[in-house]
Amino acid sequence: MKAPQPPRIKTIEELEKGPYMVLRTPYQQLPVYRDWKSGGNRKLTLIRRIHGDRQLMATELAKDLNVQREDVAVNPRTHAILIKGDRFEDVKNWLLSKGF
């Protein structure tokens, strides 16, 4: 049984024209995850499945969520965006507002 696909604000063609694109998971969920380090004392939010200009996305994300740019990093190996703190809901809402 295929999971129902949530409505998109933009079409795939419109998303591909942008400087970056976030692909959904096979179950049509946004690829936003929580991660806890140091025994749960250090919280991170991860965004995966990003294509395009990840640095630009990190800069826009920091500006729109009122986060210091130093607290938003792009992992050079996995190409995921890491944000200090538990910003799970904020990031999901930001991605939905961008049409992903």
PDB file of N, CA and C in Angstrom:
ATOM      1  N   MET A   1       0.846  -1.171   0.000  1.00  0.00           N
ATOM      2  CA  MET A   1       0.000   0.000   0.000  1.00  0.00           C
ATOM      3  C   MET A   1       0.895   1.239   0.000  1.00  0.00           C
ATOM      4  N   LYS A   2       0.663   2.116  -0.912  1.00  0.00           N
ATOM      5  CA  LYS A   2       1.447   3.336  -1.034  1.00  0.00           C
ATOM      6  C   LYS A   2       0.892   4.410  -0.105  1.00  0.00           C
ATOM      7  N   ALA A   3       1.808   5.069   0.614  1.00  0.00           N
ATOM      8  CA  ALA A   3       1.396   6.128   1.540  1.00  0.00           C
ATOM      9  C   ALA A   3       0.869   7.319   0.746  1.00  0.00           C
ATOM     10  N   PRO A   4      -0.143   7.995   1.264  1.00  0.00           N
ATOM     11  CA  PRO A   4      -0.665   9.164   0.555  1.00  0.00           C
ATOM     12  C   PRO A   4       0.386  10.268   0.518  1.00  0.00           C
ATOM     13  N   GLN A   5       0.473  10.916  -0.609  1.00  0.00           N
ATOM     14  CA  GLN A   5       1.451  11.980  -0.786  1.00  0.00           C
ATOM     15  C   GLN A   5       0.839  13.311  -0.369  1.00  0.00           C
ATOM     16  N   PRO A   6       1.537  14.040   0.536  1.00  0.00           N
ATOM     17  CA  PRO A   6       0.999  15.341   0.942  1.00  0.00           C
ATOM     18  C   PRO A   6       1.046  16.331  -0.208  1.00  0.00           C
ATOM     19  N   PRO A   7       0.163  17.286  -0.214  1.00  0.00           N
ATOM     20  CA  PRO A   7       0.149  18.249  -1.313  1.00  0.00           C
ATOM     21  C   PRO A   7       1.398  19.128  -1.296  1.00  0.00           C
ATOM     22  N   ARG A   8       1.915  19.421  -2.455  1.00  0.00           N
ATOM     23  CA  ARG A   8       3.061  20.308  -2.591  1.00  0.00           C
ATOM     24  C   ARG A   8       2.551  21.688  -2.983  1.00  0.00           C
ATOM     25  N   ILE A   9       3.291  22.676  -2.552  1.00  0.00           N
ATOM     26  CA  ILE A   9       2.948  24.038  -2.922  1.00  0.00           C
ATOM     27  C   ILE A   9       3.481  24.334  -4.316  1.00  0.00           C
ATOM     28  N   LYS A  10       4.668  23.802  -4.626  1.00  0.00           N
ATOM     29  CA  LYS A  10       5.294  24.019  -5.925  1.00  0.00           C
ATOM     30  C   LYS A  10       5.366  22.705  -6.690  1.00  0.00           C
ATOM     31  N   THR A  11       5.432  22.793  -7.998  1.00  0.00           N
ATOM     32  CA  THR A  11       5.602  21.593  -8.811  1.00  0.00           C
ATOM     33  C   THR A  11       7.075  21.195  -8.820  1.00  0.00           C
ATOM     34  N   ILE A  12       7.363  19.987  -9.262  1.00  0.00           N
ATOM     35  CA  ILE A  12       8.735  19.501  -9.337  1.00  0.00           C
ATOM     36  C   ILE A  12       9.565  20.391 -10.255  1.00  0.00           C
ATOM     37  N   GLU A  13       8.992  20.840 -11.362  1.00  0.00           N
ATOM     38  CA  GLU A  13       9.717  21.705 -12.295  1.00  0.00           C
ATOM     39  C   GLU A  13      10.104  23.025 -11.636  1.00  0.00           C
ATOM     40  N   GLU A  14       9.200  23.583 -10.839  1.00  0.00           N
ATOM     41  CA  GLU A  14       9.501  24.832 -10.130  1.00  0.00           C
ATOM     42  C   GLU A  14      10.589  24.621  -9.086  1.00  0.00           C
ATOM     43  N   LEU A  15      10.545  23.478  -8.396  1.00  0.00           N
ATOM     44  CA  LEU A  15      11.562  23.191  -7.389  1.00  0.00           C
ATOM     45  C   LEU A  15      12.942  23.008  -8.019  1.00  0.00           C
ATOM     46  N   GLU A  16      12.991  22.375  -9.196  1.00  0.00           N
ATOM     47  CA  GLU A  16      14.271  22.131  -9.860  1.00  0.00           C
ATOM     48  C   GLU A  16      14.913  23.417 -10.361  1.00  0.00           C
ATOM     49  N   LYS A  17      14.135  24.467 -10.589  1.00  0.00           N
ATOM     50  CA  LYS A  17      14.685  25.732 -11.063  1.00  0.00           C
ATOM     51  C   LYS A  17      15.365  26.513  -9.944  1.00  0.00           C
ATOM     52  N   GLY A  18      15.082  26.188  -8.684  1.00  0.00           N
ATOM     53  CA  GLY A  18      15.658  26.912  -7.548  1.00  0.00           C
ATOM     54  C   GLY A  18      17.124  26.534  -7.341  1.00  0.00           C
ATOM     55  N   PRO A  19      17.816  27.274  -6.469  1.00  0.00           N
ATOM     56  CA  PRO A  19      19.231  27.005  -6.226  1.00  0.00           C
ATOM     57  C   PRO A  19      19.473  25.729  -5.424  1.00  0.00           C
ATOM     58  N   TYR A  20      18.454  25.249  -4.711  1.00  0.00           N
ATOM     59  CA  TYR A  20      18.578  24.008  -3.949  1.00  0.00           C
ATOM     60  C   TYR A  20      17.224  23.322  -3.891  1.00  0.00           C
ATOM     61  N   MET A  21      17.262  22.024  -3.581  1.00  0.00           N
ATOM     62  CA  MET A  21      16.040  21.248  -3.524  1.00  0.00           C
ATOM     63  C   MET A  21      16.180  20.206  -2.420  1.00  0.00           C
ATOM     64  N   VAL A  22      15.130  19.980  -1.668  1.00  0.00           N
ATOM     65  CA  VAL A  22      15.095  18.958  -0.631  1.00  0.00           C
ATOM     66  C   VAL A  22      14.111  17.894  -1.081  1.00  0.00           C
ATOM     67  N   LEU A  23      14.618  16.680  -1.268  1.00  0.00           N
ATOM     68  CA  LEU A  23      13.767  15.574  -1.696  1.00  0.00           C
ATOM     69  C   LEU A  23      13.128  14.913  -0.489  1.00  0.00           C
ATOM     70  N   ARG A  24      11.915  14.445  -0.649  1.00  0.00           N
ATOM     71  CA  ARG A  24      11.242  13.739   0.429  1.00  0.00           C
ATOM     72  C   ARG A  24      11.714  12.294   0.514  1.00  0.00           C
ATOM     73  N   THR A  25      11.441  11.651   1.638  1.00  0.00           N
ATOM     74  CA  THR A  25      11.803  10.256   1.838  1.00  0.00           C
ATOM     75  C   THR A  25      10.879   9.369   0.999  1.00  0.00           C
ATOM     76  N   PRO A  26      11.168   8.071   0.886  1.00  0.00           N
ATOM     77  CA  PRO A  26      10.279   7.186   0.122  1.00  0.00           C
ATOM     78  C   PRO A  26       8.840   7.156   0.647  1.00  0.00           C
ATOM     79  N   TYR A  27       8.641   7.499   1.925  1.00  0.00           N
ATOM     80  CA  TYR A  27       7.295   7.552   2.490  1.00  0.00           C
ATOM     81  C   TYR A  27       6.724   8.968   2.482  1.00  0.00           C
ATOM     82  N   GLN A  28       7.319   9.845   1.659  1.00  0.00           N
ATOM     83  CA  GLN A  28       6.850  11.210   1.432  1.00  0.00           C
ATOM     84  C   GLN A  28       6.911  12.093   2.677  1.00  0.00           C
ATOM     85  N   GLN A  29       7.852  11.793   3.570  1.00  0.00           N
ATOM     86  CA  GLN A  29       8.078  12.632   4.748  1.00  0.00           C
ATOM     87  C   GLN A  29       9.231  13.588   4.471  1.00  0.00           C
ATOM     88  N   LEU A  30       9.284  14.700   5.189  1.00  0.00           N
ATOM     89  CA  LEU A  30      10.415  15.607   5.069  1.00  0.00           C
ATOM     90  C   LEU A  30      11.623  14.990   5.773  1.00  0.00           C
ATOM     91  N   PRO A  31      12.819  15.092   5.190  1.00  0.00           N
ATOM     92  CA  PRO A  31      14.018  14.464   5.771  1.00  0.00           C
ATOM     93  C   PRO A  31      14.643  15.318   6.870  1.00  0.00           C
ATOM     94  N   VAL A  32      13.874  15.579   7.924  1.00  0.00           N
ATOM     95  CA  VAL A  32      14.339  16.367   9.066  1.00  0.00           C
ATOM     96  C   VAL A  32      14.385  15.427  10.263  1.00  0.00           C
ATOM     97  N   TYR A  33      15.520  15.436  10.994  1.00  0.00           N
ATOM     98  CA  TYR A  33      15.725  14.490  12.078  1.00  0.00           C
ATOM     99  C   TYR A  33      16.283  15.190  13.309  1.00  0.00           C
ATOM    100  N   ARG A  34      15.984  14.633  14.471  1.00  0.00           N
ATOM    101  CA  ARG A  34      16.565  15.084  15.729  1.00  0.00           C
ATOM    102  C   ARG A  34      17.733  14.166  16.067  1.00  0.00           C
ATOM    103  N   ASP A  35      18.763  14.731  16.696  1.00  0.00           N
ATOM    104  CA  ASP A  35      19.913  13.931  17.132  1.00  0.00           C
ATOM    105  C   ASP A  35      20.365  14.454  18.484  1.00  0.00           C
ATOM    106  N   TRP A  36      20.674  13.553  19.382  1.00  0.00           N
ATOM    107  CA  TRP A  36      21.154  13.914  20.705  1.00  0.00           C
ATOM    108  C   TRP A  36      22.571  13.393  20.862  1.00  0.00           C
ATOM    109  N   LYS A  37      23.457  14.251  21.342  1.00  0.00           N
ATOM    110  CA  LYS A  37      24.856  13.896  21.576  1.00  0.00           C
ATOM    111  C   LYS A  37      25.172  14.127  23.050  1.00  0.00           C
ATOM    112  N   SER A  38      26.310  13.633  23.486  1.00  0.00           N
ATOM    113  CA  SER A  38      26.803  13.859  24.854  1.00  0.00           C
ATOM    114  C   SER A  38      25.772  13.465  25.902  1.00  0.00           C
ATOM    115  N   GLY A  39      25.197  12.298  25.764  1.00  0.00           N
ATOM    116  CA  GLY A  39      24.237  11.815  26.750  1.00  0.00           C
ATOM    117  C   GLY A  39      22.936  12.585  26.772  1.00  0.00           C
ATOM    118  N   GLY A  40      22.602  13.247  25.684  1.00  0.00           N
ATOM    119  CA  GLY A  40      21.354  13.990  25.598  1.00  0.00           C
ATOM    120  C   GLY A  40      21.500  15.456  25.967  1.00  0.00           C
ATOM    121  N   ASN A  41      22.709  15.892  26.306  1.00  0.00           N
ATOM    122  CA  ASN A  41      22.929  17.288  26.686  1.00  0.00           C
ATOM    123  C   ASN A  41      23.077  18.213  25.487  1.00  0.00           C
ATOM    124  N   ARG A  42      23.471  17.666  24.353  1.00  0.00           N
ATOM    125  CA  ARG A  42      23.665  18.471  23.145  1.00  0.00           C
ATOM    126  C   ARG A  42      22.655  18.011  22.097  1.00  0.00           C
ATOM    127  N   LYS A  43      21.761  18.906  21.714  1.00  0.00           N
ATOM    128  CA  LYS A  43      20.709  18.563  20.758  1.00  0.00           C
ATOM    129  C   LYS A  43      21.037  19.177  19.410  1.00  0.00           C
ATOM    130  N   LEU A  44      20.779  18.401  18.343  1.00  0.00           N
ATOM    131  CA  LEU A  44      20.998  18.851  16.973  1.00  0.00           C
ATOM    132  C   LEU A  44      19.768  18.551  16.133  1.00  0.00           C
ATOM    133  N   THR A  45      19.596  19.329  15.087  1.00  0.00           N
ATOM    134  CA  THR A  45      18.573  19.064  14.082  1.00  0.00           C
ATOM    135  C   THR A  45      19.287  18.859  12.757  1.00  0.00           C
ATOM    136  N   LEU A  46      18.960  17.797  12.031  1.00  0.00           N
ATOM    137  CA  LEU A  46      19.598  17.464  10.764  1.00  0.00           C
ATOM    138  C   LEU A  46      18.602  17.567   9.622  1.00  0.00           C
ATOM    139  N   ILE A  47      19.087  18.035   8.485  1.00  0.00           N
ATOM    140  CA  ILE A  47      18.305  18.021   7.241  1.00  0.00           C
ATOM    141  C   ILE A  47      19.127  17.236   6.240  1.00  0.00           C
ATOM    142  N   ARG A  48      18.547  16.225   5.661  1.00  0.00           N
ATOM    143  CA  ARG A  48      19.238  15.388   4.684  1.00  0.00           C
ATOM    144  C   ARG A  48      18.559  15.513   3.321  1.00  0.00           C
ATOM    145  N   ARG A  49      19.095  14.792   2.343  1.00  0.00           N
ATOM    146  CA  ARG A  49      18.537  14.710   0.979  1.00  0.00           C
ATOM    147  C   ARG A  49      18.450  16.081   0.311  1.00  0.00           C
ATOM    148  N   ILE A  50      19.523  16.865   0.438  1.00  0.00           N
ATOM    149  CA  ILE A  50      19.588  18.207  -0.141  1.00  0.00           C
ATOM    150  C   ILE A  50      20.393  18.141  -1.424  1.00  0.00           C
ATOM    151  N   HIS A  51      19.884  18.752  -2.474  1.00  0.00           N
ATOM    152  CA  HIS A  51      20.594  18.856  -3.746  1.00  0.00           C
ATOM    153  C   HIS A  51      20.720  20.326  -4.097  1.00  0.00           C
ATOM    154  N   GLY A  52      21.873  20.693  -4.615  1.00  0.00           N
ATOM    155  CA  GLY A  52      22.084  22.082  -5.013  1.00  0.00           C
ATOM    156  C   GLY A  52      23.014  22.805  -4.059  1.00  0.00           C
ATOM    157  N   ASP A  53      22.799  24.095  -3.914  1.00  0.00           N
ATOM    158  CA  ASP A  53      23.666  24.968  -3.124  1.00  0.00           C
ATOM    159  C   ASP A  53      23.316  24.863  -1.639  1.00  0.00           C
ATOM    160  N   ARG A  54      24.011  23.975  -0.938  1.00  0.00           N
ATOM    161  CA  ARG A  54      23.737  23.734   0.480  1.00  0.00           C
ATOM    162  C   ARG A  54      24.142  24.923   1.343  1.00  0.00           C
ATOM    163  N   GLN A  55      25.224  25.613   0.975  1.00  0.00           N
ATOM    164  CA  GLN A  55      25.672  26.772   1.753  1.00  0.00           C
ATOM    165  C   GLN A  55      24.627  27.891   1.700  1.00  0.00           C
ATOM    166  N   LEU A  56      24.064  28.118   0.539  1.00  0.00           N
ATOM    167  CA  LEU A  56      23.014  29.135   0.403  1.00  0.00           C
ATOM    168  C   LEU A  56      21.801  28.755   1.241  1.00  0.00           C
ATOM    169  N   MET A  57      21.435  27.487   1.220  1.00  0.00           N
ATOM    170  CA  MET A  57      20.300  27.030   2.011  1.00  0.00           C
ATOM    171  C   MET A  57      20.570  27.232   3.499  1.00  0.00           C
ATOM    172  N   ALA A  58      21.788  26.914   3.942  1.00  0.00           N
ATOM    173  CA  ALA A  58      22.143  27.093   5.352  1.00  0.00           C
ATOM    174  C   ALA A  58      22.071  28.565   5.747  1.00  0.00           C
ATOM    175  N   THR A  59      22.523  29.449   4.873  1.00  0.00           N
ATOM    176  CA  THR A  59      22.481  30.883   5.157  1.00  0.00           C
ATOM    177  C   THR A  59      21.044  31.382   5.251  1.00  0.00           C
ATOM    178  N   GLU A  60      20.199  30.991   4.305  1.00  0.00           N
ATOM    179  CA  GLU A  60      18.793  31.406   4.334  1.00  0.00           C
ATOM    180  C   GLU A  60      18.064  30.828   5.543  1.00  0.00           C
ATOM    181  N   LEU A  61      18.376  29.597   5.873  1.00  0.00           N
ATOM    182  CA  LEU A  61      17.749  28.946   7.022  1.00  0.00           C
ATOM    183  C   LEU A  61      18.106  29.674   8.314  1.00  0.00           C
ATOM    184  N   ALA A  62      19.381  30.026   8.474  1.00  0.00           N
ATOM    185  CA  ALA A  62      19.818  30.747   9.673  1.00  0.00           C
ATOM    186  C   ALA A  62      19.132  32.106   9.770  1.00  0.00           C
ATOM    187  N   LYS A  63      19.039  32.797   8.644  1.00  0.00           N
ATOM    188  CA  LYS A  63      18.415  34.125   8.637  1.00  0.00           C
ATOM    189  C   LYS A  63      16.928  34.040   8.965  1.00  0.00           C
ATOM    190  N   ASP A  64      16.219  33.110   8.328  1.00  0.00           N
ATOM    191  CA  ASP A  64      14.777  33.008   8.506  1.00  0.00           C
ATOM    192  C   ASP A  64      14.377  32.488   9.886  1.00  0.00           C
ATOM    193  N   LEU A  65      15.226  31.644  10.506  1.00  0.00           N
ATOM    194  CA  LEU A  65      14.903  31.086  11.823  1.00  0.00           C
ATOM    195  C   LEU A  65      15.546  31.868  12.962  1.00  0.00           C
ATOM    196  N   ASN A  66      16.199  32.993  12.647  1.00  0.00           N
ATOM    197  CA  ASN A  66      16.881  33.814  13.648  1.00  0.00           C
ATOM    198  C   ASN A  66      17.878  33.002  14.466  1.00  0.00           C
ATOM    199  N   VAL A  67      18.722  32.246  13.748  1.00  0.00           N
ATOM    200  CA  VAL A  67      19.779  31.444  14.352  1.00  0.00           C
ATOM    201  C   VAL A  67      21.100  32.035  13.895  1.00  0.00           C
ATOM    202  N   GLN A  68      22.097  32.031  14.777  1.00  0.00           N
ATOM    203  CA  GLN A  68      23.428  32.486  14.379  1.00  0.00           C
ATOM    204  C   GLN A  68      23.935  31.619  13.230  1.00  0.00           C
ATOM    205  N   ARG A  69      24.580  32.218  12.247  1.00  0.00           N
ATOM    206  CA  ARG A  69      25.080  31.457  11.085  1.00  0.00           C
ATOM    207  C   ARG A  69      26.116  30.431  11.521  1.00  0.00           C
ATOM    208  N   GLU A  70      26.851  30.704  12.600  1.00  0.00           N
ATOM    209  CA  GLU A  70      27.852  29.760  13.105  1.00  0.00           C
ATOM    210  C   GLU A  70      27.203  28.492  13.667  1.00  0.00           C
ATOM    211  N   ASP A  71      25.909  28.572  14.025  1.00  0.00           N
ATOM    212  CA  ASP A  71      25.200  27.423  14.578  1.00  0.00           C
ATOM    213  C   ASP A  71      24.570  26.542  13.502  1.00  0.00           C
ATOM    214  N   VAL A  72      24.744  26.917  12.241  1.00  0.00           N
ATOM    215  CA  VAL A  72      24.226  26.132  11.117  1.00  0.00           C
ATOM    216  C   VAL A  72      25.425  25.738  10.256  1.00  0.00           C
ATOM    217  N   ALA A  73      25.643  24.420  10.091  1.00  0.00           N
ATOM    218  CA  ALA A  73      26.816  23.945   9.361  1.00  0.00           C
ATOM    219  C   ALA A  73      26.409  22.892   8.340  1.00  0.00           C
ATOM    220  N   VAL A  74      27.231  22.772   7.308  1.00  0.00           N
ATOM    221  CA  VAL A  74      27.038  21.726   6.300  1.00  0.00           C
ATOM    222  C   VAL A  74      28.122  20.679   6.528  1.00  0.00           C
ATOM    223  N   ASN A  75      27.711  19.438   6.751  1.00  0.00           N
ATOM    224  CA  ASN A  75      28.659  18.349   6.941  1.00  0.00           C
ATOM    225  C   ASN A  75      29.323  18.056   5.600  1.00  0.00           C
ATOM    226  N   PRO A  76      30.659  18.169   5.502  1.00  0.00           N
ATOM    227  CA  PRO A  76      31.319  17.979   4.214  1.00  0.00           C
ATOM    228  C   PRO A  76      31.267  16.544   3.689  1.00  0.00           C
ATOM    229  N   ARG A  77      31.072  15.586   4.547  1.00  0.00           N
ATOM    230  CA  ARG A  77      31.038  14.191   4.115  1.00  0.00           C
ATOM    231  C   ARG A  77      29.636  13.743   3.711  1.00  0.00           C
ATOM    232  N   THR A  78      28.650  14.033   4.552  1.00  0.00           N
ATOM    233  CA  THR A  78      27.288  13.559   4.281  1.00  0.00           C
ATOM    234  C   THR A  78      26.429  14.589   3.562  1.00  0.00           C
ATOM    235  N   HIS A  79      26.892  15.848   3.505  1.00  0.00           N
ATOM    236  CA  HIS A  79      26.174  16.956   2.869  1.00  0.00           C
ATOM    237  C   HIS A  79      24.866  17.286   3.569  1.00  0.00           C
ATOM    238  N   ALA A  80      24.722  16.850   4.816  1.00  0.00           N
ATOM    239  CA  ALA A  80      23.540  17.203   5.604  1.00  0.00           C
ATOM    240  C   ALA A  80      23.781  18.557   6.268  1.00  0.00           C
ATOM    241  N   ILE A  81      22.704  19.253   6.553  1.00  0.00           N
ATOM    242  CA  ILE A  81      22.799  20.515   7.284  1.00  0.00           C
ATOM    243  C   ILE A  81      22.523  20.213   8.753  1.00  0.00           C
ATOM    244  N   LEU A  82      23.419  20.682   9.626  1.00  0.00           N
ATOM    245  CA  LEU A  82      23.299  20.487  11.061  1.00  0.00           C
ATOM    246  C   LEU A  82      22.994  21.829  11.718  1.00  0.00           C
ATOM    247  N   ILE A  83      21.995  21.850  12.589  1.00  0.00           N
ATOM    248  CA  ILE A  83      21.613  23.065  13.296  1.00  0.00           C
ATOM    249  C   ILE A  83      21.691  22.769  14.788  1.00  0.00           C
ATOM    250  N   LYS A  84      22.372  23.618  15.534  1.00  0.00           N
ATOM    251  CA  LYS A  84      22.456  23.442  16.977  1.00  0.00           C
ATOM    252  C   LYS A  84      21.087  23.694  17.589  1.00  0.00           C
ATOM    253  N   GLY A  85      20.697  22.828  18.502  1.00  0.00           N
ATOM    254  CA  GLY A  85      19.425  22.975  19.199  1.00  0.00           C
ATOM    255  C   GLY A  85      18.327  22.144  18.553  1.00  0.00           C
ATOM    256  N   ASP A  86      17.246  21.998  19.282  1.00  0.00           N
ATOM    257  CA  ASP A  86      16.096  21.241  18.787  1.00  0.00           C
ATOM    258  C   ASP A  86      15.192  22.200  18.015  1.00  0.00           C
ATOM    259  N   ARG A  87      15.380  22.273  16.713  1.00  0.00           N
ATOM    260  CA  ARG A  87      14.613  23.158  15.828  1.00  0.00           C
ATOM    261  C   ARG A  87      13.757  22.343  14.866  1.00  0.00           C
ATOM    262  N   PHE A  88      13.370  21.140  15.258  1.00  0.00           N
ATOM    263  CA  PHE A  88      12.671  20.192  14.396  1.00  0.00           C
ATOM    264  C   PHE A  88      11.419  20.800  13.766  1.00  0.00           C
ATOM    265  N   GLU A  89      10.514  21.312  14.580  1.00  0.00           N
ATOM    266  CA  GLU A  89       9.256  21.860  14.063  1.00  0.00           C
ATOM    267  C   GLU A  89       9.500  23.122  13.241  1.00  0.00           C
ATOM    268  N   ASP A  90      10.431  23.976  13.693  1.00  0.00           N
ATOM    269  CA  ASP A  90      10.742  25.198  12.949  1.00  0.00           C
ATOM    270  C   ASP A  90      11.258  24.876  11.551  1.00  0.00           C
ATOM    271  N   VAL A  91      12.138  23.883  11.455  1.00  0.00           N
ATOM    272  CA  VAL A  91      12.719  23.513  10.159  1.00  0.00           C
ATOM    273  C   VAL A  91      11.658  22.895   9.255  1.00  0.00           C
ATOM    274  N   LYS A  92      10.818  22.019   9.807  1.00  0.00           N
ATOM    275  CA  LYS A  92       9.759  21.426   8.992  1.00  0.00           C
ATOM    276  C   LYS A  92       8.818  22.496   8.453  1.00  0.00           C
ATOM    277  N   ASN A  93       8.434  23.431   9.293  1.00  0.00           N
ATOM    278  CA  ASN A  93       7.540  24.516   8.841  1.00  0.00           C
ATOM    279  C   ASN A  93       8.227  25.395   7.805  1.00  0.00           C
ATOM    280  N   TRP A  94       9.522  25.641   7.967  1.00  0.00           N
ATOM    281  CA  TRP A  94      10.274  26.444   7.006  1.00  0.00           C
ATOM    282  C   TRP A  94      10.327  25.740   5.649  1.00  0.00           C
ATOM    283  N   LEU A  95      10.600  24.433   5.658  1.00  0.00           N
ATOM    284  CA  LEU A  95      10.638  23.679   4.396  1.00  0.00           C
ATOM    285  C   LEU A  95       9.266  23.668   3.719  1.00  0.00           C
ATOM    286  N   LEU A  96       8.214  23.506   4.500  1.00  0.00           N
ATOM    287  CA  LEU A  96       6.864  23.526   3.914  1.00  0.00           C
ATOM    288  C   LEU A  96       6.530  24.896   3.339  1.00  0.00           C
ATOM    289  N   SER A  97       6.972  25.958   4.010  1.00  0.00           N
ATOM    290  CA  SER A  97       6.717  27.298   3.478  1.00  0.00           C
ATOM    291  C   SER A  97       7.473  27.563   2.192  1.00  0.00           C
ATOM    292  N   LYS A  98       8.618  26.846   1.990  1.00  0.00           N
ATOM    293  CA  LYS A  98       9.389  26.975   0.753  1.00  0.00           C
ATOM    294  C   LYS A  98       8.840  26.093  -0.365  1.00  0.00           C
ATOM    295  N   GLY A  99       7.856  25.261  -0.048  1.00  0.00           N
ATOM    296  CA  GLY A  99       7.225  24.434  -1.078  1.00  0.00           C
ATOM    297  C   GLY A  99       7.790  23.031  -1.200  1.00  0.00           C
ATOM    298  N   PHE A 100       8.586  22.611  -0.258  1.00  0.00           N
ATOM    299  CA  PHE A 100       9.131  21.255  -0.312  1.00  0.00           C
ATOM    300  C   PHE A 100       8.180  20.302   0.375  1.00  0.00           C
TER     301      PHE A 100
END
